[in-house]
Amino acid sequence: MSIKKDIVRDYLAGLRVCIDEISRQNVDAVAQAIYEAYLKSKHIYIFGNGGSASTASHFARDLSIGAAAEGKPRVKAVSLADSMVAVTSLANDISYESVFREQLVGQIEAGDVAIGISCSGSSPNVLAAIAYAKENGAATVAFTGFGGGKLKGMADVCINLSSRDYGQVEDMHLALEHMVTYMVRERVRG
């Protein structure tokens, strides 16, 4: 068998394990937390680094546009990874660990939802933002891999994958955000 076929076979096998793990977790709890915030006209704040930042941006867009229903208010979803000005100025002026937490200061309220995405579950800036969100009465959600890291035990709801492959975990986090968006859309349209 060629190296290319081995890579494809092994990668797909890893995705199948991730899919099986997701099917055993309470993905609906994530959608319900977002929907409860939506009913109260609250905000959803989503954040992560690197590929997880990309997923956070995609998730915020999908929730605010993709879950929309004609004649109904939209989900108020924001990616804290979208503003290079905010991220780089906070990293420069305070610390990289504070880039998401500081964006929540004066913004996040009880009833909002904070969604931290971290493949390792150990990103200090994601952990700091989730801790701050909890301190301020927000519901907290985590998408993790690598067994969950510290984030797994911090969030109210955690969808955790055991895979230690960044590509597979990032692929599944993107699939998760699509599933959750579809679930929220059905509730909004219901």
Protein backbone atom coordinates (compact mmCIF):
# COMPACT_ATOMS: atom_id res chain seq x y z
CA MET A 1 0.00 0.00 0.00
CA SER A 2 1.28 3.48 -0.81
CA ILE A 3 2.07 6.12 1.77
CA LYS A 4 -0.76 8.27 0.37
CA LYS A 5 -3.30 5.50 0.88
CA ASP A 6 -2.00 4.88 4.41
CA ILE A 7 -2.41 8.56 5.30
CA VAL A 8 -5.95 8.71 3.88
CA ARG A 9 -6.97 5.42 5.54
CA ASP A 10 -5.50 6.40 8.92
CA TYR A 11 -6.94 9.92 8.85
CA LEU A 12 -10.43 8.67 8.01
CA ALA A 13 -10.17 5.99 10.69
CA GLY A 14 -9.36 8.73 13.22
CA LEU A 15 -12.36 10.77 12.07
CA ARG A 16 -14.61 7.73 12.51
CA VAL A 17 -13.46 7.42 16.13
CA CYS A 18 -14.22 11.12 16.66
CA ILE A 19 -17.67 10.77 15.08
CA ASP A 20 -18.43 7.84 17.37
CA GLU A 21 -17.33 9.87 20.40
CA ILE A 22 -19.50 12.84 19.40
CA SER A 23 -22.54 10.60 18.96
CA ARG A 24 -22.26 9.61 22.64
CA GLN A 25 -22.13 13.19 23.94
CA ASN A 26 -24.84 15.71 24.68
CA VAL A 27 -24.50 18.02 21.67
CA ASP A 28 -28.11 19.07 22.22
CA ALA A 29 -27.10 20.68 25.53
CA VAL A 30 -24.92 23.13 23.60
CA ALA A 31 -27.81 24.05 21.28
CA GLN A 32 -30.15 24.41 24.24
CA ALA A 33 -27.78 26.77 26.08
CA ILE A 34 -27.55 28.96 22.98
CA TYR A 35 -31.31 28.88 22.44
CA GLU A 36 -32.01 29.84 26.06
CA ALA A 37 -29.70 32.84 25.63
CA TYR A 38 -31.43 33.69 22.35
CA LEU A 39 -34.86 33.70 24.06
CA LYS A 40 -33.53 36.28 26.55
CA SER A 41 -31.86 38.36 23.80
CA LYS A 42 -28.45 37.54 25.25
CA HIS A 43 -25.08 37.23 23.50
CA ILE A 44 -23.00 34.24 22.46
CA TYR A 45 -19.24 34.89 22.64
CA ILE A 46 -17.02 32.39 20.82
CA PHE A 47 -13.21 32.22 20.87
CA GLY A 48 -10.17 30.10 20.18
CA ASN A 49 -6.66 30.24 18.69
CA GLY A 50 -5.40 29.33 15.21
CA GLY A 51 -7.72 26.81 13.56
CA SER A 52 -10.06 27.19 16.53
CA ALA A 53 -10.20 30.95 15.87
CA SER A 54 -11.33 30.14 12.36
CA THR A 55 -14.01 27.82 13.75
CA ALA A 56 -15.09 30.54 16.20
CA SER A 57 -15.55 33.00 13.33
CA HIS A 58 -17.42 30.45 11.26
CA PHE A 59 -19.62 29.49 14.22
CA ALA A 60 -20.54 33.12 15.00
CA ARG A 61 -21.46 33.73 11.37
CA ASP A 62 -23.50 30.54 11.13
CA LEU A 63 -25.41 31.28 14.33
CA SER A 64 -26.19 34.88 13.41
CA ILE A 65 -27.01 34.27 9.74
CA GLY A 66 -27.48 30.53 9.24
CA ALA A 67 -29.83 30.07 12.19
CA ALA A 68 -31.97 33.06 11.19
CA ALA A 69 -35.69 32.73 10.62
CA GLU A 70 -37.75 35.25 8.70
CA GLY A 71 -39.58 37.66 10.95
CA LYS A 72 -37.64 36.63 14.07
CA PRO A 73 -34.68 38.27 15.81
CA ARG A 74 -31.25 36.87 15.04
CA VAL A 75 -28.92 35.07 17.39
CA LYS A 76 -26.44 37.60 18.78
CA ALA A 77 -23.20 35.74 18.18
CA VAL A 78 -19.74 37.31 18.21
CA SER A 79 -16.29 35.82 17.58
CA LEU A 80 -13.67 37.34 19.86
CA ALA A 81 -11.00 36.14 17.44
CA ASP A 82 -12.12 38.37 14.57
CA SER A 83 -10.50 41.70 15.45
CA MET A 84 -6.74 41.73 14.87
CA VAL A 85 -6.69 45.17 16.44
CA ALA A 86 -8.24 43.89 19.66
CA VAL A 87 -6.19 40.70 19.82
CA THR A 88 -2.82 42.28 19.02
CA SER A 89 -3.28 45.39 21.17
CA LEU A 90 -4.34 43.33 24.19
CA ALA A 91 -1.49 40.88 23.63
CA ASN A 92 0.97 43.78 23.37
CA ASP A 93 -0.41 45.99 26.13
CA ILE A 94 -1.46 43.38 28.69
CA SER A 95 -0.66 39.76 27.73
CA TYR A 96 -1.63 37.17 25.17
CA GLU A 97 -3.31 35.25 27.97
CA SER A 98 -5.79 38.14 28.36
CA VAL A 99 -6.86 38.64 24.72
CA PHE A 100 -10.29 36.99 25.10
CA ARG A 101 -10.95 37.73 28.78
CA GLU A 102 -10.39 41.46 28.33
CA GLN A 103 -12.87 41.56 25.43
CA LEU A 104 -15.49 40.14 27.80
CA VAL A 105 -14.88 42.75 30.51
CA GLY A 106 -17.83 45.13 30.60
CA GLN A 107 -19.64 43.09 27.94
CA ILE A 108 -20.53 39.64 29.24
CA GLU A 109 -23.58 39.35 31.47
CA ALA A 110 -25.49 36.68 33.32
CA GLY A 111 -27.45 34.67 30.79
CA ASP A 112 -24.90 35.08 27.98
CA VAL A 113 -22.99 32.06 26.67
CA ALA A 114 -19.20 31.81 26.31
CA ILE A 115 -17.93 29.08 23.99
CA GLY A 116 -14.23 28.26 24.22
CA ILE A 117 -12.70 26.14 21.47
CA SER A 118 -9.33 24.56 22.21
CA CYS A 119 -7.93 21.39 20.70
CA SER A 120 -5.65 20.84 23.70
CA GLY A 121 -8.12 22.13 26.25
CA SER A 122 -5.18 23.96 27.81
CA SER A 123 -4.93 27.31 25.99
CA PRO A 124 -4.33 29.87 28.77
CA ASN A 125 -6.30 32.65 27.03
CA VAL A 126 -9.32 30.37 26.51
CA LEU A 127 -9.14 29.16 30.13
CA ALA A 128 -8.97 32.76 31.40
CA ALA A 129 -12.01 33.81 29.36
CA ILE A 130 -14.08 30.80 30.44
CA ALA A 131 -13.20 31.47 34.10
CA TYR A 132 -14.20 35.13 33.73
CA ALA A 133 -17.45 34.21 31.98
CA LYS A 134 -18.37 31.83 34.81
CA GLU A 135 -17.57 34.49 37.42
CA ASN A 136 -20.04 36.79 35.65
CA GLY A 137 -22.93 34.34 35.44
CA ALA A 138 -22.59 33.24 31.82
CA ALA A 139 -23.18 29.68 30.71
CA THR A 140 -19.94 28.11 29.48
CA VAL A 141 -19.36 25.62 26.69
CA ALA A 142 -16.13 23.99 25.51
CA PHE A 143 -15.15 22.11 22.39
CA THR A 144 -11.94 20.20 23.14
CA GLY A 145 -9.73 17.38 21.98
CA PHE A 146 -6.68 15.64 23.44
CA GLY A 147 -8.83 14.36 26.33
CA GLY A 148 -10.05 17.83 27.32
CA GLY A 149 -7.22 19.39 29.31
CA LYS A 150 -8.17 21.83 32.07
CA LEU A 151 -11.02 23.25 29.99
CA LYS A 152 -13.00 20.00 30.21
CA GLY A 153 -13.54 20.43 33.95
CA MET A 154 -14.26 24.16 33.79
CA ALA A 155 -17.09 24.42 31.29
CA ASP A 156 -20.74 23.72 32.09
CA VAL A 157 -20.96 21.64 28.91
CA CYS A 158 -17.94 20.12 27.17
CA ILE A 159 -17.84 18.20 23.93
CA ASN A 160 -14.56 16.36 24.23
CA LEU A 161 -12.65 14.22 21.77
CA SER A 162 -9.82 11.88 22.69
CA SER A 163 -7.96 12.40 19.40
CA ARG A 164 -4.54 14.02 19.65
CA ASP A 165 -4.51 14.94 15.97
CA TYR A 166 -5.08 18.66 15.47
CA GLY A 167 -6.51 18.19 11.99
CA GLN A 168 -9.07 15.62 13.08
CA VAL A 169 -10.11 17.61 16.14
CA GLU A 170 -10.44 20.84 14.14
CA ASP A 171 -12.47 19.00 11.47
CA MET A 172 -14.85 17.66 14.09
CA HIS A 173 -15.19 21.02 15.86
CA LEU A 174 -16.30 22.52 12.55
CA ALA A 175 -18.79 19.66 12.09
CA LEU A 176 -20.00 20.25 15.66
CA GLU A 177 -20.65 23.92 15.05
CA HIS A 178 -22.70 23.01 11.99
CA MET A 179 -24.74 20.45 13.96
CA VAL A 180 -25.36 22.93 16.76
CA THR A 181 -26.35 25.66 14.31
CA TYR A 182 -28.88 23.32 12.66
CA MET A 183 -30.31 22.47 16.09
CA VAL A 184 -30.57 26.15 17.05
CA ARG A 185 -32.16 27.00 13.69
CA GLU A 186 -34.86 24.37 14.24
CA ARG A 187 -35.62 25.83 17.66
CA VAL A 188 -35.72 29.41 16.34
CA ARG A 189 -38.01 28.43 13.46
CA GLY A 190 -40.13 26.15 15.68
